[in-house]
Amino acid sequence: MAATVRVLIVDDHEVFADALTVCLGDYPDLEVVGVATTASRCLALVAAVDLDIVVLDLALAGEDGLTVAREVLALRPYAGIVVATGIEPDGQVVDAVQLGVRGWVPKTASAETLVDAIRGVSRGETRIPAQLLANALMSMSRDRPELLAGSVGMSELTGRELEVLGCLVEGMSRTEIGDLLHVSPNTVRTHVQSILHKLQVHSALAAVSIARRAGVNGVGVPAG
């Protein structure tokens, strides 16, 4: 039997937090170990309870959600953070990826999408939508190239190739990537071949390794 994933919910909307608690209670492999509506309560619970995942709203009653995430990871470096937010991502995805956030789910998404993100992040996977992940990589490559030092060819990838690479990091098959991006498996194969050529590697696994060193696995991008 799989281990239970212990979840802390952090959201200043009590109705949403209560509804999410009830929703996650329907999944036997998930256990809500606490609910916080403020940053201070969140950090108190992080210090006091055993947890695996923090589901965090970025718009937390005037608090900077990413600052809260940074403080959570300072207390629990191996905790997984899944952002569940109703705000537009703008440039926050870049900051989140660099910080160590591994999941990003809009509040308009289905419960199944959030549960998949919680489960995936608990396994060390990334659950950030491909387009957001691609935009984050493009921004890091363009604005802070030192963050991608050692990742040969990352800056040469097109937006679509970055999307495909992001999907590979998430562990998706070529068929799943094709379904998500609405292209044929052959087109996905062509993109993968181009990625391998630009990154100067011979396997998708090696490409994923380079992407993870660039921070795509959500562990965080090393400082330059």
C-alpha atoms as a PDB file:
ATOM      1  CA  MET A   1       0.000   0.000   0.000  1.00  0.00           C
ATOM      2  CA  ALA A   2       1.298   3.469  -0.934  1.00  0.00           C
ATOM      3  CA  ALA A   3       2.252   5.812   1.892  1.00  0.00           C
ATOM      4  CA  THR A   4      -0.282   8.459   2.836  1.00  0.00           C
ATOM      5  CA  VAL A   5       0.579  11.939   1.584  1.00  0.00           C
ATOM      6  CA  ARG A   6       0.240  14.457   4.412  1.00  0.00           C
ATOM      7  CA  VAL A   7      -1.084  17.817   3.207  1.00  0.00           C
ATOM      8  CA  LEU A   8      -1.175  21.262   4.793  1.00  0.00           C
ATOM      9  CA  ILE A   9      -3.673  23.685   3.228  1.00  0.00           C
ATOM     10  CA  VAL A  10      -2.776  27.390   3.343  1.00  0.00           C
ATOM     11  CA  ASP A  11      -5.490  29.740   2.099  1.00  0.00           C
ATOM     12  CA  ASP A  12      -7.033  32.846   3.612  1.00  0.00           C
ATOM     13  CA  HIS A  13     -10.481  31.999   2.239  1.00  0.00           C
ATOM     14  CA  GLU A  14     -11.883  29.754   4.957  1.00  0.00           C
ATOM     15  CA  VAL A  15     -14.764  28.496   2.811  1.00  0.00           C
ATOM     16  CA  PHE A  16     -12.364  27.380   0.076  1.00  0.00           C
ATOM     17  CA  ALA A  17      -9.967  25.827   2.593  1.00  0.00           C
ATOM     18  CA  ASP A  18     -12.805  23.931   4.282  1.00  0.00           C
ATOM     19  CA  ALA A  19     -14.167  22.725   0.933  1.00  0.00           C
ATOM     20  CA  LEU A  20     -10.712  21.582  -0.131  1.00  0.00           C
ATOM     21  CA  THR A  21     -10.263  19.734   3.148  1.00  0.00           C
ATOM     22  CA  VAL A  22     -13.514  17.852   2.571  1.00  0.00           C
ATOM     23  CA  CYS A  23     -12.584  17.166  -1.057  1.00  0.00           C
ATOM     24  CA  LEU A  24      -9.148  15.740  -0.249  1.00  0.00           C
ATOM     25  CA  GLY A  25     -10.727  13.645   2.466  1.00  0.00           C
ATOM     26  CA  ASP A  26     -12.365  11.582  -0.276  1.00  0.00           C
ATOM     27  CA  TYR A  27      -8.946  10.282  -1.362  1.00  0.00           C
ATOM     28  CA  PRO A  28      -7.640   7.523   0.943  1.00  0.00           C
ATOM     29  CA  ASP A  29      -4.003   8.214   0.084  1.00  0.00           C
ATOM     30  CA  LEU A  30      -4.233  11.873   1.138  1.00  0.00           C
ATOM     31  CA  GLU A  31      -4.481  13.231   4.681  1.00  0.00           C
ATOM     32  CA  VAL A  32      -5.028  16.894   5.548  1.00  0.00           C
ATOM     33  CA  VAL A  33      -2.882  17.487   8.635  1.00  0.00           C
ATOM     34  CA  GLY A  34      -3.725  21.153   9.074  1.00  0.00           C
ATOM     35  CA  VAL A  35      -5.320  24.295   7.671  1.00  0.00           C
ATOM     36  CA  ALA A  36      -3.834  27.790   7.942  1.00  0.00           C
ATOM     37  CA  THR A  37      -5.421  31.063   6.895  1.00  0.00           C
ATOM     38  CA  THR A  38      -2.425  33.263   7.759  1.00  0.00           C
ATOM     39  CA  ALA A  39       1.301  33.130   7.133  1.00  0.00           C
ATOM     40  CA  SER A  40       2.104  32.974  10.834  1.00  0.00           C
ATOM     41  CA  ARG A  41      -0.277  30.052  11.382  1.00  0.00           C
ATOM     42  CA  CYS A  42       1.186  28.311   8.345  1.00  0.00           C
ATOM     43  CA  LEU A  43       4.734  28.546   9.683  1.00  0.00           C
ATOM     44  CA  ALA A  44       3.638  27.433  13.140  1.00  0.00           C
ATOM     45  CA  LEU A  45       2.038  24.318  11.670  1.00  0.00           C
ATOM     46  CA  VAL A  46       5.007  23.626   9.394  1.00  0.00           C
ATOM     47  CA  ALA A  47       7.231  23.619  12.461  1.00  0.00           C
ATOM     48  CA  ALA A  48       4.836  21.478  14.508  1.00  0.00           C
ATOM     49  CA  VAL A  49       3.375  18.768  12.274  1.00  0.00           C
ATOM     50  CA  ASP A  50       4.756  16.129   9.943  1.00  0.00           C
ATOM     51  CA  LEU A  51       3.834  16.978   6.382  1.00  0.00           C
ATOM     52  CA  ASP A  52       4.758  16.166   2.809  1.00  0.00           C
ATOM     53  CA  ILE A  53       2.942  18.803   0.753  1.00  0.00           C
ATOM     54  CA  VAL A  54       1.879  22.405   1.319  1.00  0.00           C
ATOM     55  CA  VAL A  55      -0.980  23.578  -0.894  1.00  0.00           C
ATOM     56  CA  LEU A  56      -0.416  27.337  -0.911  1.00  0.00           C
ATOM     57  CA  ASP A  57      -2.449  30.278  -2.169  1.00  0.00           C
ATOM     58  CA  LEU A  58      -0.145  33.082  -3.305  1.00  0.00           C
ATOM     59  CA  ALA A  59      -2.689  35.797  -2.435  1.00  0.00           C
ATOM     60  CA  LEU A  60      -2.594  35.250   1.316  1.00  0.00           C
ATOM     61  CA  ALA A  61      -4.290  38.201   3.034  1.00  0.00           C
ATOM     62  CA  GLY A  62      -1.733  40.713   1.903  1.00  0.00           C
ATOM     63  CA  GLU A  63       1.240  38.411   2.449  1.00  0.00           C
ATOM     64  CA  ASP A  64       3.642  37.570  -0.358  1.00  0.00           C
ATOM     65  CA  GLY A  65       2.914  33.897  -1.019  1.00  0.00           C
ATOM     66  CA  LEU A  66       6.373  33.256  -2.427  1.00  0.00           C
ATOM     67  CA  THR A  67       7.945  34.694   0.717  1.00  0.00           C
ATOM     68  CA  VAL A  68       5.815  32.271   2.706  1.00  0.00           C
ATOM     69  CA  ALA A  69       6.963  29.445   0.419  1.00  0.00           C
ATOM     70  CA  ARG A  70      10.606  30.413   0.995  1.00  0.00           C
ATOM     71  CA  GLU A  71      10.093  30.347   4.758  1.00  0.00           C
ATOM     72  CA  VAL A  72       8.321  26.990   4.548  1.00  0.00           C
ATOM     73  CA  LEU A  73      11.245  25.492   2.639  1.00  0.00           C
ATOM     74  CA  ALA A  74      13.705  26.968   5.127  1.00  0.00           C
ATOM     75  CA  LEU A  75      11.894  25.016   7.842  1.00  0.00           C
ATOM     76  CA  ARG A  76      11.156  21.912   5.757  1.00  0.00           C
ATOM     77  CA  PRO A  77      13.611  21.692   2.837  1.00  0.00           C
ATOM     78  CA  TYR A  78      12.088  18.450   1.567  1.00  0.00           C
ATOM     79  CA  ALA A  79       8.472  19.598   1.631  1.00  0.00           C
ATOM     80  CA  GLY A  80       6.733  19.859  -1.714  1.00  0.00           C
ATOM     81  CA  ILE A  81       4.851  23.063  -2.470  1.00  0.00           C
ATOM     82  CA  VAL A  82       1.850  23.127  -4.780  1.00  0.00           C
ATOM     83  CA  VAL A  83       0.610  26.617  -5.581  1.00  0.00           C
ATOM     84  CA  ALA A  84      -3.194  26.700  -5.899  1.00  0.00           C
ATOM     85  CA  THR A  85      -4.106  30.237  -6.842  1.00  0.00           C
ATOM     86  CA  GLY A  86      -6.651  32.349  -8.640  1.00  0.00           C
ATOM     87  CA  ILE A  87      -4.226  35.105  -9.612  1.00  0.00           C
ATOM     88  CA  GLU A  88      -2.567  35.429 -12.995  1.00  0.00           C
ATOM     89  CA  PRO A  89       0.955  33.976 -12.929  1.00  0.00           C
ATOM     90  CA  ASP A  90       2.749  36.854 -14.687  1.00  0.00           C
ATOM     91  CA  GLY A  91       6.429  36.524 -13.775  1.00  0.00           C
ATOM     92  CA  GLN A  92       5.814  34.684 -10.537  1.00  0.00           C
ATOM     93  CA  VAL A  93       6.291  31.263 -12.106  1.00  0.00           C
ATOM     94  CA  VAL A  94       9.961  32.072 -12.758  1.00  0.00           C
ATOM     95  CA  ASP A  95      10.438  33.106  -9.138  1.00  0.00           C
ATOM     96  CA  ALA A  96       8.509  30.051  -7.966  1.00  0.00           C
ATOM     97  CA  VAL A  97      10.610  27.612 -10.026  1.00  0.00           C
ATOM     98  CA  GLN A  98      13.831  29.198  -8.828  1.00  0.00           C
ATOM     99  CA  LEU A  99      12.599  29.038  -5.260  1.00  0.00           C
ATOM    100  CA  GLY A 100      11.655  25.373  -5.362  1.00  0.00           C
ATOM    101  CA  VAL A 101       7.927  25.271  -6.066  1.00  0.00           C
ATOM    102  CA  ARG A 102       7.168  22.074  -7.987  1.00  0.00           C
ATOM    103  CA  GLY A 103       3.429  22.369  -8.552  1.00  0.00           C
ATOM    104  CA  TRP A 104       1.159  25.094  -9.910  1.00  0.00           C
ATOM    105  CA  VAL A 105      -2.604  24.620 -10.245  1.00  0.00           C
ATOM    106  CA  PRO A 106      -5.183  27.348 -10.972  1.00  0.00           C
ATOM    107  CA  LYS A 107      -8.149  27.375  -8.609  1.00  0.00           C
ATOM    108  CA  THR A 108     -10.395  26.897 -11.615  1.00  0.00           C
ATOM    109  CA  ALA A 109      -8.845  23.467 -12.258  1.00  0.00           C
ATOM    110  CA  SER A 110     -10.648  20.265 -11.352  1.00  0.00           C
ATOM    111  CA  ALA A 111     -10.127  18.455  -8.066  1.00  0.00           C
ATOM    112  CA  GLU A 112      -8.499  15.626 -10.032  1.00  0.00           C
ATOM    113  CA  THR A 113      -5.904  18.060 -11.423  1.00  0.00           C
ATOM    114  CA  LEU A 114      -5.000  19.273  -7.945  1.00  0.00           C
ATOM    115  CA  VAL A 115      -4.857  15.737  -6.575  1.00  0.00           C
ATOM    116  CA  ASP A 116      -2.598  14.685  -9.464  1.00  0.00           C
ATOM    117  CA  ALA A 117      -0.313  17.625  -8.676  1.00  0.00           C
ATOM    118  CA  ILE A 118      -0.179  16.718  -4.990  1.00  0.00           C
ATOM    119  CA  ARG A 119       0.608  13.091  -5.751  1.00  0.00           C
ATOM    120  CA  GLY A 120       3.173  13.941  -8.430  1.00  0.00           C
ATOM    121  CA  VAL A 121       5.024  16.514  -6.351  1.00  0.00           C
ATOM    122  CA  SER A 122       5.066  14.106  -3.403  1.00  0.00           C
ATOM    123  CA  ARG A 123       6.983  11.715  -5.686  1.00  0.00           C
ATOM    124  CA  GLY A 124       9.486  14.429  -6.571  1.00  0.00           C
ATOM    125  CA  GLU A 125       7.917  15.226  -9.937  1.00  0.00           C
ATOM    126  CA  THR A 126       7.042  18.610 -11.419  1.00  0.00           C
ATOM    127  CA  ARG A 127       3.410  19.528 -11.957  1.00  0.00           C
ATOM    128  CA  ILE A 128       3.576  22.941 -13.597  1.00  0.00           C
ATOM    129  CA  PRO A 129       1.531  23.427 -16.808  1.00  0.00           C
ATOM    130  CA  ALA A 130       3.756  23.042 -19.848  1.00  0.00           C
ATOM    131  CA  GLN A 131       3.162  26.549 -21.176  1.00  0.00           C
ATOM    132  CA  LEU A 132       3.949  28.179 -17.829  1.00  0.00           C
ATOM    133  CA  LEU A 133       7.052  26.034 -17.479  1.00  0.00           C
ATOM    134  CA  ALA A 134       8.171  26.914 -21.005  1.00  0.00           C
ATOM    135  CA  ASN A 135       7.664  30.622 -20.362  1.00  0.00           C
ATOM    136  CA  ALA A 136       9.652  30.359 -17.146  1.00  0.00           C
ATOM    137  CA  LEU A 137      12.550  28.652 -18.929  1.00  0.00           C
ATOM    138  CA  MET A 138      12.517  31.201 -21.738  1.00  0.00           C
ATOM    139  CA  SER A 139      12.548  34.047 -19.220  1.00  0.00           C
ATOM    140  CA  MET A 140      15.446  32.523 -17.258  1.00  0.00           C
ATOM    141  CA  SER A 141      17.381  31.922 -20.459  1.00  0.00           C
ATOM    142  CA  ARG A 142      16.766  35.460 -21.719  1.00  0.00           C
ATOM    143  CA  ASP A 143      17.012  37.539 -18.548  1.00  0.00           C
ATOM    144  CA  ARG A 144      19.419  35.553 -16.356  1.00  0.00           C
ATOM    145  CA  PRO A 145      21.569  33.356 -18.587  1.00  0.00           C
ATOM    146  CA  GLU A 146      23.956  32.674 -15.720  1.00  0.00           C
ATOM    147  CA  LEU A 147      21.222  30.511 -14.158  1.00  0.00           C
ATOM    148  CA  LEU A 148      21.551  28.111 -17.047  1.00  0.00           C
ATOM    149  CA  ALA A 149      25.318  27.852 -16.939  1.00  0.00           C
ATOM    150  CA  GLY A 150      26.348  24.349 -17.922  1.00  0.00           C
ATOM    151  CA  SER A 151      23.034  23.660 -19.629  1.00  0.00           C
ATOM    152  CA  VAL A 152      24.384  23.665 -23.163  1.00  0.00           C
ATOM    153  CA  GLY A 153      21.852  24.680 -25.774  1.00  0.00           C
ATOM    154  CA  MET A 154      18.954  25.529 -23.430  1.00  0.00           C
ATOM    155  CA  SER A 155      18.796  29.085 -24.745  1.00  0.00           C
ATOM    156  CA  GLU A 156      18.553  27.760 -28.309  1.00  0.00           C
ATOM    157  CA  LEU A 157      15.331  25.838 -27.735  1.00  0.00           C
ATOM    158  CA  THR A 158      12.163  27.215 -29.268  1.00  0.00           C
ATOM    159  CA  GLY A 159       9.063  27.861 -27.200  1.00  0.00           C
ATOM    160  CA  ARG A 160       7.455  24.645 -28.404  1.00  0.00           C
ATOM    161  CA  GLU A 161      10.628  22.660 -27.706  1.00  0.00           C
ATOM    162  CA  LEU A 162      10.661  24.071 -24.174  1.00  0.00           C
ATOM    163  CA  GLU A 163       7.057  22.935 -23.783  1.00  0.00           C
ATOM    164  CA  VAL A 164       7.995  19.429 -24.892  1.00  0.00           C
ATOM    165  CA  LEU A 165      11.025  19.393 -22.605  1.00  0.00           C
ATOM    166  CA  GLY A 166       8.864  20.511 -19.698  1.00  0.00           C
ATOM    167  CA  CYS A 167       6.495  17.639 -20.401  1.00  0.00           C
ATOM    168  CA  LEU A 168       9.391  15.187 -20.468  1.00  0.00           C
ATOM    169  CA  VAL A 169      10.510  16.449 -17.079  1.00  0.00           C
ATOM    170  CA  GLU A 170       7.000  15.794 -15.795  1.00  0.00           C
ATOM    171  CA  GLY A 171       7.403  12.184 -16.893  1.00  0.00           C
ATOM    172  CA  MET A 172       4.882  12.333 -19.720  1.00  0.00           C
ATOM    173  CA  SER A 173       5.011   9.902 -22.608  1.00  0.00           C
ATOM    174  CA  ARG A 174       5.213  11.119 -26.196  1.00  0.00           C
ATOM    175  CA  THR A 175       1.581  10.169 -26.720  1.00  0.00           C
ATOM    176  CA  GLU A 176       0.559  12.165 -23.644  1.00  0.00           C
ATOM    177  CA  ILE A 177       2.625  15.117 -24.826  1.00  0.00           C
ATOM    178  CA  GLY A 178       0.966  14.956 -28.227  1.00  0.00           C
ATOM    179  CA  ASP A 179      -2.483  14.891 -26.637  1.00  0.00           C
ATOM    180  CA  LEU A 180      -1.656  17.863 -24.405  1.00  0.00           C
ATOM    181  CA  LEU A 181      -0.109  19.975 -27.162  1.00  0.00           C
ATOM    182  CA  HIS A 182      -2.561  18.793 -29.827  1.00  0.00           C
ATOM    183  CA  VAL A 183       0.111  17.455 -32.164  1.00  0.00           C
ATOM    184  CA  SER A 184       0.860  14.002 -33.511  1.00  0.00           C
ATOM    185  CA  PRO A 185       3.339  11.614 -31.843  1.00  0.00           C
ATOM    186  CA  ASN A 186       5.534  11.983 -34.942  1.00  0.00           C
ATOM    187  CA  THR A 187       5.659  15.742 -34.398  1.00  0.00           C
ATOM    188  CA  VAL A 188       6.590  15.174 -30.773  1.00  0.00           C
ATOM    189  CA  ARG A 189       9.329  12.804 -31.905  1.00  0.00           C
ATOM    190  CA  THR A 190      10.679  15.499 -34.245  1.00  0.00           C
ATOM    191  CA  HIS A 191      10.730  18.041 -31.414  1.00  0.00           C
ATOM    192  CA  VAL A 192      12.508  15.587 -29.126  1.00  0.00           C
ATOM    193  CA  GLN A 193      15.143  14.901 -31.775  1.00  0.00           C
ATOM    194  CA  SER A 194      15.713  18.635 -32.171  1.00  0.00           C
ATOM    195  CA  ILE A 195      16.002  19.035 -28.390  1.00  0.00           C
ATOM    196  CA  LEU A 196      18.595  16.261 -28.201  1.00  0.00           C
ATOM    197  CA  HIS A 197      20.578  17.847 -31.033  1.00  0.00           C
ATOM    198  CA  LYS A 198      20.580  21.319 -29.461  1.00  0.00           C
ATOM    199  CA  LEU A 199      21.441  19.994 -25.999  1.00  0.00           C
ATOM    200  CA  GLN A 200      24.131  17.753 -27.532  1.00  0.00           C
ATOM    201  CA  VAL A 201      22.869  14.609 -25.817  1.00  0.00           C
ATOM    202  CA  HIS A 202      21.731  11.232 -27.098  1.00  0.00           C
ATOM    203  CA  SER A 203      18.714  10.418 -24.938  1.00  0.00           C
ATOM    204  CA  ALA A 204      15.613  12.026 -23.508  1.00  0.00           C
ATOM    205  CA  LEU A 205      16.839  11.029 -20.046  1.00  0.00           C
ATOM    206  CA  ALA A 206      19.991  13.080 -20.545  1.00  0.00           C
ATOM    207  CA  ALA A 207      17.917  16.031 -21.760  1.00  0.00           C
ATOM    208  CA  VAL A 208      15.735  15.780 -18.664  1.00  0.00           C
ATOM    209  CA  SER A 209      18.870  15.745 -16.514  1.00  0.00           C
ATOM    210  CA  ILE A 210      20.040  19.005 -18.096  1.00  0.00           C
ATOM    211  CA  ALA A 211      16.588  20.535 -17.623  1.00  0.00           C
ATOM    212  CA  ARG A 212      16.585  19.541 -13.969  1.00  0.00           C
ATOM    213  CA  ARG A 213      19.987  21.111 -13.443  1.00  0.00           C
ATOM    214  CA  ALA A 214      18.412  24.289 -14.814  1.00  0.00           C
ATOM    215  CA  GLY A 215      15.804  24.045 -12.077  1.00  0.00           C
ATOM    216  CA  VAL A 216      12.922  22.497 -13.995  1.00  0.00           C
ATOM    217  CA  ASN A 217      12.491  19.747 -11.437  1.00  0.00           C
ATOM    218  CA  GLY A 218      11.367  22.350  -8.917  1.00  0.00           C
ATOM    219  CA  VAL A 219      14.321  21.782  -6.585  1.00  0.00           C
ATOM    220  CA  GLY A 220      15.369  25.303  -7.467  1.00  0.00           C
ATOM    221  CA  VAL A 221      17.905  26.844  -9.796  1.00  0.00           C
ATOM    222  CA  PRO A 222      21.352  27.243  -8.278  1.00  0.00           C
ATOM    223  CA  ALA A 223      22.552  30.782  -7.847  1.00  0.00           C
ATOM    224  CA  GLY A 224      24.925  31.906 -10.511  1.00  0.00           C
END
